[in-house]
mmCIF file of all heavy atoms, coordinates in Angstrom:
data_MODEL
# 
_entry.id   MODEL 
# 
loop_
_atom_site.group_PDB 
_atom_site.id 
_atom_site.type_symbol 
_atom_site.label_atom_id 
_atom_site.label_alt_id 
_atom_site.label_comp_id 
_atom_site.label_asym_id 
_atom_site.label_entity_id 
_atom_site.label_seq_id 
_atom_site.pdbx_PDB_ins_code 
_atom_site.Cartn_x 
_atom_site.Cartn_y 
_atom_site.Cartn_z 
_atom_site.occupancy 
_atom_site.B_iso_or_equiv 
_atom_site.pdbx_formal_charge 
_atom_site.auth_seq_id 
_atom_site.auth_comp_id 
_atom_site.auth_asym_id 
_atom_site.auth_atom_id 
_atom_site.pdbx_PDB_model_num 
ATOM 1   N N   . LEU A 1 1  ? 20.610 11.557 -13.347 1.00 0.00 ? 1  LEU A N   1 
ATOM 2   C CA  . LEU A 1 1  ? 19.936 12.013 -14.587 1.00 0.00 ? 1  LEU A CA  1 
ATOM 3   C C   . LEU A 1 1  ? 18.606 12.633 -14.210 1.00 0.00 ? 1  LEU A C   1 
ATOM 4   O O   . LEU A 1 1  ? 17.711 11.945 -13.705 1.00 0.00 ? 1  LEU A O   1 
ATOM 5   C CB  . LEU A 1 1  ? 19.736 10.860 -15.527 1.00 0.00 ? 1  LEU A CB  1 
ATOM 6   C CG  . LEU A 1 1  ? 18.972 11.153 -16.844 1.00 0.00 ? 1  LEU A CG  1 
ATOM 7   C CD1 . LEU A 1 1  ? 19.653 12.275 -17.642 1.00 0.00 ? 1  LEU A CD1 1 
ATOM 8   C CD2 . LEU A 1 1  ? 18.837 9.897  -17.679 1.00 0.00 ? 1  LEU A CD2 1 
ATOM 9   N N   . SER A 1 2  ? 18.464 13.929 -14.432 1.00 0.00 ? 2  SER A N   1 
ATOM 10  C CA  . SER A 1 2  ? 17.192 14.622 -14.186 1.00 0.00 ? 2  SER A CA  1 
ATOM 11  C C   . SER A 1 2  ? 16.512 14.928 -15.495 1.00 0.00 ? 2  SER A C   1 
ATOM 12  O O   . SER A 1 2  ? 17.159 15.223 -16.510 1.00 0.00 ? 2  SER A O   1 
ATOM 13  C CB  . SER A 1 2  ? 17.439 15.935 -13.429 1.00 0.00 ? 2  SER A CB  1 
ATOM 14  O OG  . SER A 1 2  ? 17.658 15.704 -12.063 1.00 0.00 ? 2  SER A OG  1 
ATOM 15  N N   . PHE A 1 3  ? 15.157 14.812 -15.488 1.00 0.00 ? 3  PHE A N   1 
ATOM 16  C CA  . PHE A 1 3  ? 14.422 14.995 -16.733 1.00 0.00 ? 3  PHE A CA  1 
ATOM 17  C C   . PHE A 1 3  ? 12.995 15.438 -16.416 1.00 0.00 ? 3  PHE A C   1 
ATOM 18  O O   . PHE A 1 3  ? 12.549 15.401 -15.250 1.00 0.00 ? 3  PHE A O   1 
ATOM 19  C CB  . PHE A 1 3  ? 14.403 13.711 -17.545 1.00 0.00 ? 3  PHE A CB  1 
ATOM 20  C CG  . PHE A 1 3  ? 13.758 12.509 -16.865 1.00 0.00 ? 3  PHE A CG  1 
ATOM 21  C CD1 . PHE A 1 3  ? 12.426 12.201 -17.092 1.00 0.00 ? 3  PHE A CD1 1 
ATOM 22  C CD2 . PHE A 1 3  ? 14.484 11.729 -15.995 1.00 0.00 ? 3  PHE A CD2 1 
ATOM 23  C CE1 . PHE A 1 3  ? 11.825 11.121 -16.483 1.00 0.00 ? 3  PHE A CE1 1 
ATOM 24  C CE2 . PHE A 1 3  ? 13.883 10.639 -15.352 1.00 0.00 ? 3  PHE A CE2 1 
ATOM 25  C CZ  . PHE A 1 3  ? 12.560 10.324 -15.590 1.00 0.00 ? 3  PHE A CZ  1 
ATOM 26  N N   . ALA A 1 4  ? 12.290 15.871 -17.436 1.00 0.00 ? 4  ALA A N   1 
ATOM 27  C CA  . ALA A 1 4  ? 10.886 16.258 -17.324 1.00 0.00 ? 4  ALA A CA  1 
ATOM 28  C C   . ALA A 1 4  ? 10.118 15.612 -18.466 1.00 0.00 ? 4  ALA A C   1 
ATOM 29  O O   . ALA A 1 4  ? 10.640 15.544 -19.591 1.00 0.00 ? 4  ALA A O   1 
ATOM 30  C CB  . ALA A 1 4  ? 10.731 17.767 -17.332 1.00 0.00 ? 4  ALA A CB  1 
ATOM 31  N N   . LEU A 1 5  ? 8.920  15.168 -18.216 1.00 0.00 ? 5  LEU A N   1 
ATOM 32  C CA  . LEU A 1 5  ? 8.021  14.595 -19.226 1.00 0.00 ? 5  LEU A CA  1 
ATOM 33  C C   . LEU A 1 5  ? 6.921  15.623 -19.501 1.00 0.00 ? 5  LEU A C   1 
ATOM 34  O O   . LEU A 1 5  ? 6.178  16.022 -18.599 1.00 0.00 ? 5  LEU A O   1 
ATOM 35  C CB  . LEU A 1 5  ? 7.411  13.275 -18.715 1.00 0.00 ? 5  LEU A CB  1 
ATOM 36  C CG  . LEU A 1 5  ? 6.389  12.562 -19.613 1.00 0.00 ? 5  LEU A CG  1 
ATOM 37  C CD1 . LEU A 1 5  ? 6.982  12.269 -20.975 1.00 0.00 ? 5  LEU A CD1 1 
ATOM 38  C CD2 . LEU A 1 5  ? 5.897  11.307 -18.938 1.00 0.00 ? 5  LEU A CD2 1 
ATOM 39  N N   . GLU A 1 6  ? 6.878  16.087 -20.716 1.00 0.00 ? 6  GLU A N   1 
ATOM 40  C CA  . GLU A 1 6  ? 5.948  17.158 -21.063 1.00 0.00 ? 6  GLU A CA  1 
ATOM 41  C C   . GLU A 1 6  ? 4.514  16.796 -20.716 1.00 0.00 ? 6  GLU A C   1 
ATOM 42  O O   . GLU A 1 6  ? 4.023  15.711 -21.027 1.00 0.00 ? 6  GLU A O   1 
ATOM 43  C CB  . GLU A 1 6  ? 6.056  17.427 -22.591 1.00 0.00 ? 6  GLU A CB  1 
ATOM 44  C CG  . GLU A 1 6  ? 5.196  18.590 -23.035 1.00 0.00 ? 6  GLU A CG  1 
ATOM 45  C CD  . GLU A 1 6  ? 5.332  18.842 -24.533 1.00 0.00 ? 6  GLU A CD  1 
ATOM 46  O OE1 . GLU A 1 6  ? 6.297  18.363 -25.151 1.00 0.00 ? 6  GLU A OE1 1 
ATOM 47  O OE2 . GLU A 1 6  ? 4.438  19.515 -25.109 1.00 0.00 ? 6  GLU A OE2 1 
ATOM 48  N N   . GLY A 1 7  ? 3.827  17.737 -20.035 1.00 0.00 ? 7  GLY A N   1 
ATOM 49  C CA  . GLY A 1 7  ? 2.413  17.542 -19.689 1.00 0.00 ? 7  GLY A CA  1 
ATOM 50  C C   . GLY A 1 7  ? 2.168  16.678 -18.482 1.00 0.00 ? 7  GLY A C   1 
ATOM 51  O O   . GLY A 1 7  ? 1.014  16.446 -18.129 1.00 0.00 ? 7  GLY A O   1 
ATOM 52  N N   . VAL A 1 8  ? 3.228  16.220 -17.812 1.00 0.00 ? 8  VAL A N   1 
ATOM 53  C CA  . VAL A 1 8  ? 3.086  15.355 -16.646 1.00 0.00 ? 8  VAL A CA  1 
ATOM 54  C C   . VAL A 1 8  ? 3.930  15.897 -15.520 1.00 0.00 ? 8  VAL A C   1 
ATOM 55  O O   . VAL A 1 8  ? 5.123  16.100 -15.671 1.00 0.00 ? 8  VAL A O   1 
ATOM 56  C CB  . VAL A 1 8  ? 3.500  13.911 -16.963 1.00 0.00 ? 8  VAL A CB  1 
ATOM 57  C CG1 . VAL A 1 8  ? 3.318  13.016 -15.718 1.00 0.00 ? 8  VAL A CG1 1 
ATOM 58  C CG2 . VAL A 1 8  ? 2.744  13.351 -18.131 1.00 0.00 ? 8  VAL A CG2 1 
ATOM 59  N N   . HIS A 1 9  ? 3.310  16.151 -14.373 1.00 0.00 ? 9  HIS A N   1 
ATOM 60  C CA  . HIS A 1 9  ? 4.076  16.617 -13.227 1.00 0.00 ? 9  HIS A CA  1 
ATOM 61  C C   . HIS A 1 9  ? 4.972  15.481 -12.742 1.00 0.00 ? 9  HIS A C   1 
ATOM 62  O O   . HIS A 1 9  ? 4.529  14.291 -12.723 1.00 0.00 ? 9  HIS A O   1 
ATOM 63  C CB  . HIS A 1 9  ? 3.155  17.092 -12.087 1.00 0.00 ? 9  HIS A CB  1 
ATOM 64  C CG  . HIS A 1 9  ? 3.868  17.848 -11.036 1.00 0.00 ? 9  HIS A CG  1 
ATOM 65  N ND1 . HIS A 1 9  ? 4.625  17.242 -10.055 1.00 0.00 ? 9  HIS A ND1 1 
ATOM 66  C CD2 . HIS A 1 9  ? 3.954  19.205 -10.797 1.00 0.00 ? 9  HIS A CD2 1 
ATOM 67  C CE1 . HIS A 1 9  ? 5.164  18.162 -9.252  1.00 0.00 ? 9  HIS A CE1 1 
ATOM 68  N NE2 . HIS A 1 9  ? 4.758  19.370 -9.693  1.00 0.00 ? 9  HIS A NE2 1 
ATOM 69  N N   . PRO A 1 10 ? 6.199  15.785 -12.317 1.00 0.00 ? 10 PRO A N   1 
ATOM 70  C CA  . PRO A 1 10 ? 7.082  14.705 -11.834 1.00 0.00 ? 10 PRO A CA  1 
ATOM 71  C C   . PRO A 1 10 ? 6.486  13.878 -10.709 1.00 0.00 ? 10 PRO A C   1 
ATOM 72  O O   . PRO A 1 10 ? 6.778  12.673 -10.636 1.00 0.00 ? 10 PRO A O   1 
ATOM 73  C CB  . PRO A 1 10 ? 8.307  15.484 -11.348 1.00 0.00 ? 10 PRO A CB  1 
ATOM 74  C CG  . PRO A 1 10 ? 8.359  16.695 -12.231 1.00 0.00 ? 10 PRO A CG  1 
ATOM 75  C CD  . PRO A 1 10 ? 6.918  17.068 -12.433 1.00 0.00 ? 10 PRO A CD  1 
ATOM 76  N N   . HIS A 1 11 ? 5.659  14.485 -9.864  1.00 0.00 ? 11 HIS A N   1 
ATOM 77  C CA  . HIS A 1 11 ? 5.034  13.677 -8.796  1.00 0.00 ? 11 HIS A CA  1 
ATOM 78  C C   . HIS A 1 11 ? 4.100  12.622 -9.370  1.00 0.00 ? 11 HIS A C   1 
ATOM 79  O O   . HIS A 1 11 ? 4.034  11.488 -8.857  1.00 0.00 ? 11 HIS A O   1 
ATOM 80  C CB  . HIS A 1 11 ? 4.273  14.578 -7.840  1.00 0.00 ? 11 HIS A CB  1 
ATOM 81  C CG  . HIS A 1 11 ? 5.144  15.424 -7.003  1.00 0.00 ? 11 HIS A CG  1 
ATOM 82  N ND1 . HIS A 1 11 ? 4.673  16.550 -6.285  1.00 0.00 ? 11 HIS A ND1 1 
ATOM 83  C CD2 . HIS A 1 11 ? 6.484  15.380 -6.710  1.00 0.00 ? 11 HIS A CD2 1 
ATOM 84  C CE1 . HIS A 1 11 ? 5.663  17.106 -5.645  1.00 0.00 ? 11 HIS A CE1 1 
ATOM 85  N NE2 . HIS A 1 11 ? 6.772  16.429 -5.882  1.00 0.00 ? 11 HIS A NE2 1 
ATOM 86  N N   . ASP A 1 12 ? 3.322  12.978 -10.429 1.00 0.00 ? 12 ASP A N   1 
ATOM 87  C CA  . ASP A 1 12 ? 2.449  11.994 -11.067 1.00 0.00 ? 12 ASP A CA  1 
ATOM 88  C C   . ASP A 1 12 ? 3.276  10.875 -11.724 1.00 0.00 ? 12 ASP A C   1 
ATOM 89  O O   . ASP A 1 12 ? 2.936  9.691  -11.642 1.00 0.00 ? 12 ASP A O   1 
ATOM 90  C CB  . ASP A 1 12 ? 1.568  12.680 -12.124 1.00 0.00 ? 12 ASP A CB  1 
ATOM 91  C CG  . ASP A 1 12 ? 0.576  13.643 -11.483 1.00 0.00 ? 12 ASP A CG  1 
ATOM 92  O OD1 . ASP A 1 12 ? 0.097  13.376 -10.356 1.00 0.00 ? 12 ASP A OD1 1 
ATOM 93  O OD2 . ASP A 1 12 ? 0.307  14.696 -12.101 1.00 0.00 ? 12 ASP A OD2 1 
ATOM 94  N N   . LEU A 1 13 ? 4.364  11.277 -12.361 1.00 0.00 ? 13 LEU A N   1 
ATOM 95  C CA  . LEU A 1 13 ? 5.233  10.277 -12.982 1.00 0.00 ? 13 LEU A CA  1 
ATOM 96  C C   . LEU A 1 13 ? 5.817  9.361  -11.900 1.00 0.00 ? 13 LEU A C   1 
ATOM 97  O O   . LEU A 1 13 ? 5.835  8.138  -12.072 1.00 0.00 ? 13 LEU A O   1 
ATOM 98  C CB  . LEU A 1 13 ? 6.363  10.958 -13.741 1.00 0.00 ? 13 LEU A CB  1 
ATOM 99  C CG  . LEU A 1 13 ? 7.465  10.090 -14.309 1.00 0.00 ? 13 LEU A CG  1 
ATOM 100 C CD1 . LEU A 1 13 ? 6.897  9.094  -15.306 1.00 0.00 ? 13 LEU A CD1 1 
ATOM 101 C CD2 . LEU A 1 13 ? 8.578  10.900 -14.935 1.00 0.00 ? 13 LEU A CD2 1 
ATOM 102 N N   . GLY A 1 14 ? 6.262  9.935  -10.805 1.00 0.00 ? 14 GLY A N   1 
ATOM 103 C CA  . GLY A 1 14 ? 6.814  9.120  -9.743  1.00 0.00 ? 14 GLY A CA  1 
ATOM 104 C C   . GLY A 1 14 ? 5.816  8.160  -9.166  1.00 0.00 ? 14 GLY A C   1 
ATOM 105 O O   . GLY A 1 14 ? 6.172  7.008  -8.811  1.00 0.00 ? 14 GLY A O   1 
ATOM 106 N N   . THR A 1 15 ? 4.578  8.553  -9.050  1.00 0.00 ? 15 THR A N   1 
ATOM 107 C CA  . THR A 1 15 ? 3.531  7.686  -8.515  1.00 0.00 ? 15 THR A CA  1 
ATOM 108 C C   . THR A 1 15 ? 3.273  6.498  -9.436  1.00 0.00 ? 15 THR A C   1 
ATOM 109 O O   . THR A 1 15 ? 3.147  5.348  -8.995  1.00 0.00 ? 15 THR A O   1 
ATOM 110 C CB  . THR A 1 15 ? 2.245  8.487  -8.301  1.00 0.00 ? 15 THR A CB  1 
ATOM 111 O OG1 . THR A 1 15 ? 2.473  9.535  -7.364  1.00 0.00 ? 15 THR A OG1 1 
ATOM 112 C CG2 . THR A 1 15 ? 1.131  7.576  -7.775  1.00 0.00 ? 15 THR A CG2 1 
ATOM 113 N N   . ILE A 1 16 ? 3.195  6.766  -10.738 1.00 0.00 ? 16 ILE A N   1 
ATOM 114 C CA  . ILE A 1 16 ? 2.954  5.670  -11.705 1.00 0.00 ? 16 ILE A CA  1 
ATOM 115 C C   . ILE A 1 16 ? 4.171  4.749  -11.766 1.00 0.00 ? 16 ILE A C   1 
ATOM 116 O O   . ILE A 1 16 ? 4.024  3.528  -11.812 1.00 0.00 ? 16 ILE A O   1 
ATOM 117 C CB  . ILE A 1 16 ? 2.618  6.238  -13.069 1.00 0.00 ? 16 ILE A CB  1 
ATOM 118 C CG1 . ILE A 1 16 ? 1.280  7.001  -13.002 1.00 0.00 ? 16 ILE A CG1 1 
ATOM 119 C CG2 . ILE A 1 16 ? 2.547  5.159  -14.132 1.00 0.00 ? 16 ILE A CG2 1 
ATOM 120 C CD1 . ILE A 1 16 ? 0.934  7.808  -14.228 1.00 0.00 ? 16 ILE A CD1 1 
ATOM 121 N N   . LEU A 1 17 ? 5.353  5.323  -11.732 1.00 0.00 ? 17 LEU A N   1 
ATOM 122 C CA  . LEU A 1 17 ? 6.545  4.483  -11.718 1.00 0.00 ? 17 LEU A CA  1 
ATOM 123 C C   . LEU A 1 17 ? 6.586  3.592  -10.483 1.00 0.00 ? 17 LEU A C   1 
ATOM 124 O O   . LEU A 1 17 ? 7.032  2.421  -10.553 1.00 0.00 ? 17 LEU A O   1 
ATOM 125 C CB  . LEU A 1 17 ? 7.798  5.347  -11.784 1.00 0.00 ? 17 LEU A CB  1 
ATOM 126 C CG  . LEU A 1 17 ? 8.140  5.980  -13.140 1.00 0.00 ? 17 LEU A CG  1 
ATOM 127 C CD1 . LEU A 1 17 ? 9.263  6.987  -13.017 1.00 0.00 ? 17 LEU A CD1 1 
ATOM 128 C CD2 . LEU A 1 17 ? 8.490  4.933  -14.169 1.00 0.00 ? 17 LEU A CD2 1 
ATOM 129 N N   . ASP A 1 18 ? 6.162  4.105  -9.360  1.00 0.00 ? 18 ASP A N   1 
ATOM 130 C CA  . ASP A 1 18 ? 6.118  3.295  -8.140  1.00 0.00 ? 18 ASP A CA  1 
ATOM 131 C C   . ASP A 1 18 ? 5.228  2.085  -8.326  1.00 0.00 ? 18 ASP A C   1 
ATOM 132 O O   . ASP A 1 18 ? 5.530  0.974  -7.837  1.00 0.00 ? 18 ASP A O   1 
ATOM 133 C CB  . ASP A 1 18 ? 5.631  4.156  -6.964  1.00 0.00 ? 18 ASP A CB  1 
ATOM 134 C CG  . ASP A 1 18 ? 5.664  3.413  -5.660  1.00 0.00 ? 18 ASP A CG  1 
ATOM 135 O OD1 . ASP A 1 18 ? 6.629  2.685  -5.379  1.00 0.00 ? 18 ASP A OD1 1 
ATOM 136 O OD2 . ASP A 1 18 ? 4.679  3.524  -4.879  1.00 0.00 ? 18 ASP A OD2 1 
ATOM 137 N N   . GLU A 1 19 ? 4.118  2.263  -9.029  1.00 0.00 ? 19 GLU A N   1 
ATOM 138 C CA  . GLU A 1 19 ? 3.210  1.128  -9.327  1.00 0.00 ? 19 GLU A CA  1 
ATOM 139 C C   . GLU A 1 19 ? 3.928  0.084  -10.177 1.00 0.00 ? 19 GLU A C   1 
ATOM 140 O O   . GLU A 1 19 ? 3.558  -1.088 -10.162 1.00 0.00 ? 19 GLU A O   1 
ATOM 141 C CB  . GLU A 1 19 ? 1.951  1.617  -10.044 1.00 0.00 ? 19 GLU A CB  1 
ATOM 142 C CG  . GLU A 1 19 ? 1.073  2.541  -9.182  1.00 0.00 ? 19 GLU A CG  1 
ATOM 143 C CD  . GLU A 1 19 ? -0.055 3.165  -9.979  1.00 0.00 ? 19 GLU A CD  1 
ATOM 144 O OE1 . GLU A 1 19 ? -0.110 2.932  -11.206 1.00 0.00 ? 19 GLU A OE1 1 
ATOM 145 O OE2 . GLU A 1 19 ? -0.856 3.890  -9.361  1.00 0.00 ? 19 GLU A OE2 1 
ATOM 146 N N   . GLU A 1 20 ? 4.920  0.510  -10.917 1.00 0.00 ? 20 GLU A N   1 
ATOM 147 C CA  . GLU A 1 20 ? 5.695  -0.387 -11.793 1.00 0.00 ? 20 GLU A CA  1 
ATOM 148 C C   . GLU A 1 20 ? 6.953  -0.925 -11.078 1.00 0.00 ? 20 GLU A C   1 
ATOM 149 O O   . GLU A 1 20 ? 7.780  -1.618 -11.696 1.00 0.00 ? 20 GLU A O   1 
ATOM 150 C CB  . GLU A 1 20 ? 6.135  0.348  -13.045 1.00 0.00 ? 20 GLU A CB  1 
ATOM 151 C CG  . GLU A 1 20 ? 4.985  0.815  -13.927 1.00 0.00 ? 20 GLU A CG  1 
ATOM 152 C CD  . GLU A 1 20 ? 4.244  -0.353 -14.547 1.00 0.00 ? 20 GLU A CD  1 
ATOM 153 O OE1 . GLU A 1 20 ? 4.920  -1.283 -15.060 1.00 0.00 ? 20 GLU A OE1 1 
ATOM 154 O OE2 . GLU A 1 20 ? 3.008  -0.383 -14.516 1.00 0.00 ? 20 GLU A OE2 1 
ATOM 155 N N   . GLY A 1 21 ? 7.071  -0.636 -9.789  1.00 0.00 ? 21 GLY A N   1 
ATOM 156 C CA  . GLY A 1 21 ? 8.211  -1.122 -9.027  1.00 0.00 ? 21 GLY A CA  1 
ATOM 157 C C   . GLY A 1 21 ? 9.493  -0.337 -9.248  1.00 0.00 ? 21 GLY A C   1 
ATOM 158 O O   . GLY A 1 21 ? 10.594 -0.864 -9.042  1.00 0.00 ? 21 GLY A O   1 
ATOM 159 N N   . VAL A 1 22 ? 9.352  0.920  -9.667  1.00 0.00 ? 22 VAL A N   1 
ATOM 160 C CA  . VAL A 1 22 ? 10.492 1.782  -9.932  1.00 0.00 ? 22 VAL A CA  1 
ATOM 161 C C   . VAL A 1 22 ? 10.460 2.987  -8.974  1.00 0.00 ? 22 VAL A C   1 
ATOM 162 O O   . VAL A 1 22 ? 9.431  3.676  -8.897  1.00 0.00 ? 22 VAL A O   1 
ATOM 163 C CB  . VAL A 1 22 ? 10.509 2.284  -11.372 1.00 0.00 ? 22 VAL A CB  1 
ATOM 164 C CG1 . VAL A 1 22 ? 11.729 3.172  -11.635 1.00 0.00 ? 22 VAL A CG1 1 
ATOM 165 C CG2 . VAL A 1 22 ? 10.486 1.131  -12.353 1.00 0.00 ? 22 VAL A CG2 1 
ATOM 166 N N   . ALA A 1 23 ? 11.545 3.238  -8.294  1.00 0.00 ? 23 ALA A N   1 
ATOM 167 C CA  . ALA A 1 23 ? 11.621 4.337  -7.326  1.00 0.00 ? 23 ALA A CA  1 
ATOM 168 C C   . ALA A 1 23 ? 12.535 5.422  -7.893  1.00 0.00 ? 23 ALA A C   1 
ATOM 169 O O   . ALA A 1 23 ? 13.715 5.195  -8.129  1.00 0.00 ? 23 ALA A O   1 
ATOM 170 C CB  . ALA A 1 23 ? 12.158 3.855  -5.994  1.00 0.00 ? 23 ALA A CB  1 
ATOM 171 N N   . ILE A 1 24 ? 11.951 6.597  -8.171  1.00 0.00 ? 24 ILE A N   1 
ATOM 172 C CA  . ILE A 1 24 ? 12.740 7.783  -8.558  1.00 0.00 ? 24 ILE A CA  1 
ATOM 173 C C   . ILE A 1 24 ? 12.434 8.883  -7.554  1.00 0.00 ? 24 ILE A C   1 
ATOM 174 O O   . ILE A 1 24 ? 11.552 8.771  -6.728  1.00 0.00 ? 24 ILE A O   1 
ATOM 175 C CB  . ILE A 1 24 ? 12.418 8.264  -9.963  1.00 0.00 ? 24 ILE A CB  1 
ATOM 176 C CG1 . ILE A 1 24 ? 10.956 8.748  -10.054 1.00 0.00 ? 24 ILE A CG1 1 
ATOM 177 C CG2 . ILE A 1 24 ? 12.706 7.195  -11.016 1.00 0.00 ? 24 ILE A CG2 1 
ATOM 178 C CD1 . ILE A 1 24 ? 10.642 9.601  -11.241 1.00 0.00 ? 24 ILE A CD1 1 
ATOM 179 N N   . ARG A 1 25 ? 13.160 9.967  -7.654  1.00 0.00 ? 25 ARG A N   1 
ATOM 180 C CA  . ARG A 1 25 ? 12.875 11.170 -6.861  1.00 0.00 ? 25 ARG A CA  1 
ATOM 181 C C   . ARG A 1 25 ? 12.136 12.146 -7.732  1.00 0.00 ? 25 ARG A C   1 
ATOM 182 O O   . ARG A 1 25 ? 12.474 12.327 -8.916  1.00 0.00 ? 25 ARG A O   1 
ATOM 183 C CB  . ARG A 1 25 ? 14.195 11.788 -6.376  1.00 0.00 ? 25 ARG A CB  1 
ATOM 184 C CG  . ARG A 1 25 ? 14.080 13.065 -5.549  1.00 0.00 ? 25 ARG A CG  1 
ATOM 185 C CD  . ARG A 1 25 ? 13.441 12.894 -4.221  1.00 0.00 ? 25 ARG A CD  1 
ATOM 186 N NE  . ARG A 1 25 ? 13.873 11.718 -3.465  1.00 0.00 ? 25 ARG A NE  1 
ATOM 187 C CZ  . ARG A 1 25 ? 13.646 11.562 -2.185  1.00 0.00 ? 25 ARG A CZ  1 
ATOM 188 N NH1 . ARG A 1 25 ? 13.036 12.463 -1.470  1.00 0.00 ? 25 ARG A NH1 1 
ATOM 189 N NH2 . ARG A 1 25 ? 14.041 10.460 -1.566  1.00 0.00 ? 25 ARG A NH2 1 
ATOM 190 N N   . ALA A 1 26 ? 11.117 12.760 -7.192  1.00 0.00 ? 26 ALA A N   1 
ATOM 191 C CA  . ALA A 1 26 ? 10.325 13.771 -7.937  1.00 0.00 ? 26 ALA A CA  1 
ATOM 192 C C   . ALA A 1 26 ? 10.143 14.989 -7.038  1.00 0.00 ? 26 ALA A C   1 
ATOM 193 O O   . ALA A 1 26 ? 9.631  14.874 -5.932  1.00 0.00 ? 26 ALA A O   1 
ATOM 194 C CB  . ALA A 1 26 ? 8.975  13.201 -8.354  1.00 0.00 ? 26 ALA A CB  1 
ATOM 195 N N   . GLY A 1 27 ? 10.598 16.151 -7.504  1.00 0.00 ? 27 GLY A N   1 
ATOM 196 C CA  . GLY A 1 27 ? 10.438 17.344 -6.712  1.00 0.00 ? 27 GLY A CA  1 
ATOM 197 C C   . GLY A 1 27 ? 11.547 18.347 -7.055  1.00 0.00 ? 27 GLY A C   1 
ATOM 198 O O   . GLY A 1 27 ? 12.130 18.312 -8.123  1.00 0.00 ? 27 GLY A O   1 
ATOM 199 N N   . HIS A 1 28 ? 11.817 19.255 -6.061  1.00 0.00 ? 28 HIS A N   1 
ATOM 200 C CA  . HIS A 1 28 ? 12.820 20.263 -6.332  1.00 0.00 ? 28 HIS A CA  1 
ATOM 201 C C   . HIS A 1 28 ? 14.212 19.840 -5.825  1.00 0.00 ? 28 HIS A C   1 
ATOM 202 O O   . HIS A 1 28 ? 15.181 20.559 -6.024  1.00 0.00 ? 28 HIS A O   1 
ATOM 203 C CB  . HIS A 1 28 ? 12.418 21.597 -5.710  1.00 0.00 ? 28 HIS A CB  1 
ATOM 204 C CG  . HIS A 1 28 ? 12.098 21.579 -4.253  1.00 0.00 ? 28 HIS A CG  1 
ATOM 205 N ND1 . HIS A 1 28 ? 13.043 21.292 -3.293  1.00 0.00 ? 28 HIS A ND1 1 
ATOM 206 C CD2 . HIS A 1 28 ? 10.924 21.793 -3.601  1.00 0.00 ? 28 HIS A CD2 1 
ATOM 207 C CE1 . HIS A 1 28 ? 12.465 21.356 -2.094  1.00 0.00 ? 28 HIS A CE1 1 
ATOM 208 N NE2 . HIS A 1 28 ? 11.198 21.658 -2.243  1.00 0.00 ? 28 HIS A NE2 1 
ATOM 209 N N   . HIS A 1 29 ? 14.281 18.693 -5.143  1.00 0.00 ? 29 HIS A N   1 
ATOM 210 C CA  . HIS A 1 29 ? 15.561 18.114 -4.735  1.00 0.00 ? 29 HIS A CA  1 
ATOM 211 C C   . HIS A 1 29 ? 16.363 19.030 -3.811  1.00 0.00 ? 29 HIS A C   1 
ATOM 212 O O   . HIS A 1 29 ? 17.591 19.042 -3.834  1.00 0.00 ? 29 HIS A O   1 
ATOM 213 C CB  . HIS A 1 29 ? 16.401 17.723 -5.946  1.00 0.00 ? 29 HIS A CB  1 
ATOM 214 C CG  . HIS A 1 29 ? 15.625 17.063 -7.024  1.00 0.00 ? 29 HIS A CG  1 
ATOM 215 N ND1 . HIS A 1 29 ? 15.006 15.810 -6.847  1.00 0.00 ? 29 HIS A ND1 1 
ATOM 216 C CD2 . HIS A 1 29 ? 15.311 17.426 -8.301  1.00 0.00 ? 29 HIS A CD2 1 
ATOM 217 C CE1 . HIS A 1 29 ? 14.358 15.497 -7.946  1.00 0.00 ? 29 HIS A CE1 1 
ATOM 218 N NE2 . HIS A 1 29 ? 14.530 16.474 -8.854  1.00 0.00 ? 29 HIS A NE2 1 
ATOM 219 N N   . CYS A 1 30 ? 15.681 19.847 -3.004  1.00 0.00 ? 30 CYS A N   1 
ATOM 220 C CA  . CYS A 1 30 ? 16.315 20.801 -2.134  1.00 0.00 ? 30 CYS A CA  1 
ATOM 221 C C   . CYS A 1 30 ? 17.238 21.729 -2.925  1.00 0.00 ? 30 CYS A C   1 
ATOM 222 O O   . CYS A 1 30 ? 18.349 22.076 -2.512  1.00 0.00 ? 30 CYS A O   1 
ATOM 223 C CB  . CYS A 1 30 ? 17.133 20.107 -1.035  1.00 0.00 ? 30 CYS A CB  1 
ATOM 224 S SG  . CYS A 1 30 ? 16.094 19.222 0.132   1.00 0.00 ? 30 CYS A SG  1 
ATOM 225 N N   . ALA A 1 31 ? 16.757 22.111 -4.124  1.00 0.00 ? 31 ALA A N   1 
ATOM 226 C CA  . ALA A 1 31 ? 17.498 23.030 -4.987  1.00 0.00 ? 31 ALA A CA  1 
ATOM 227 C C   . ALA A 1 31 ? 16.524 23.928 -5.723  1.00 0.00 ? 31 ALA A C   1 
ATOM 228 O O   . ALA A 1 31 ? 16.518 23.998 -6.964  1.00 0.00 ? 31 ALA A O   1 
ATOM 229 C CB  . ALA A 1 31 ? 18.368 22.231 -5.969  1.00 0.00 ? 31 ALA A CB  1 
# 
């Protein structure tokens, strides 16, 4: 499941999620 959060870069979202113990991928995914 890929998604975007308006006004937030996926890298920033990924960093905050990491602080919450959640690991996602953020970037262009080699695509």
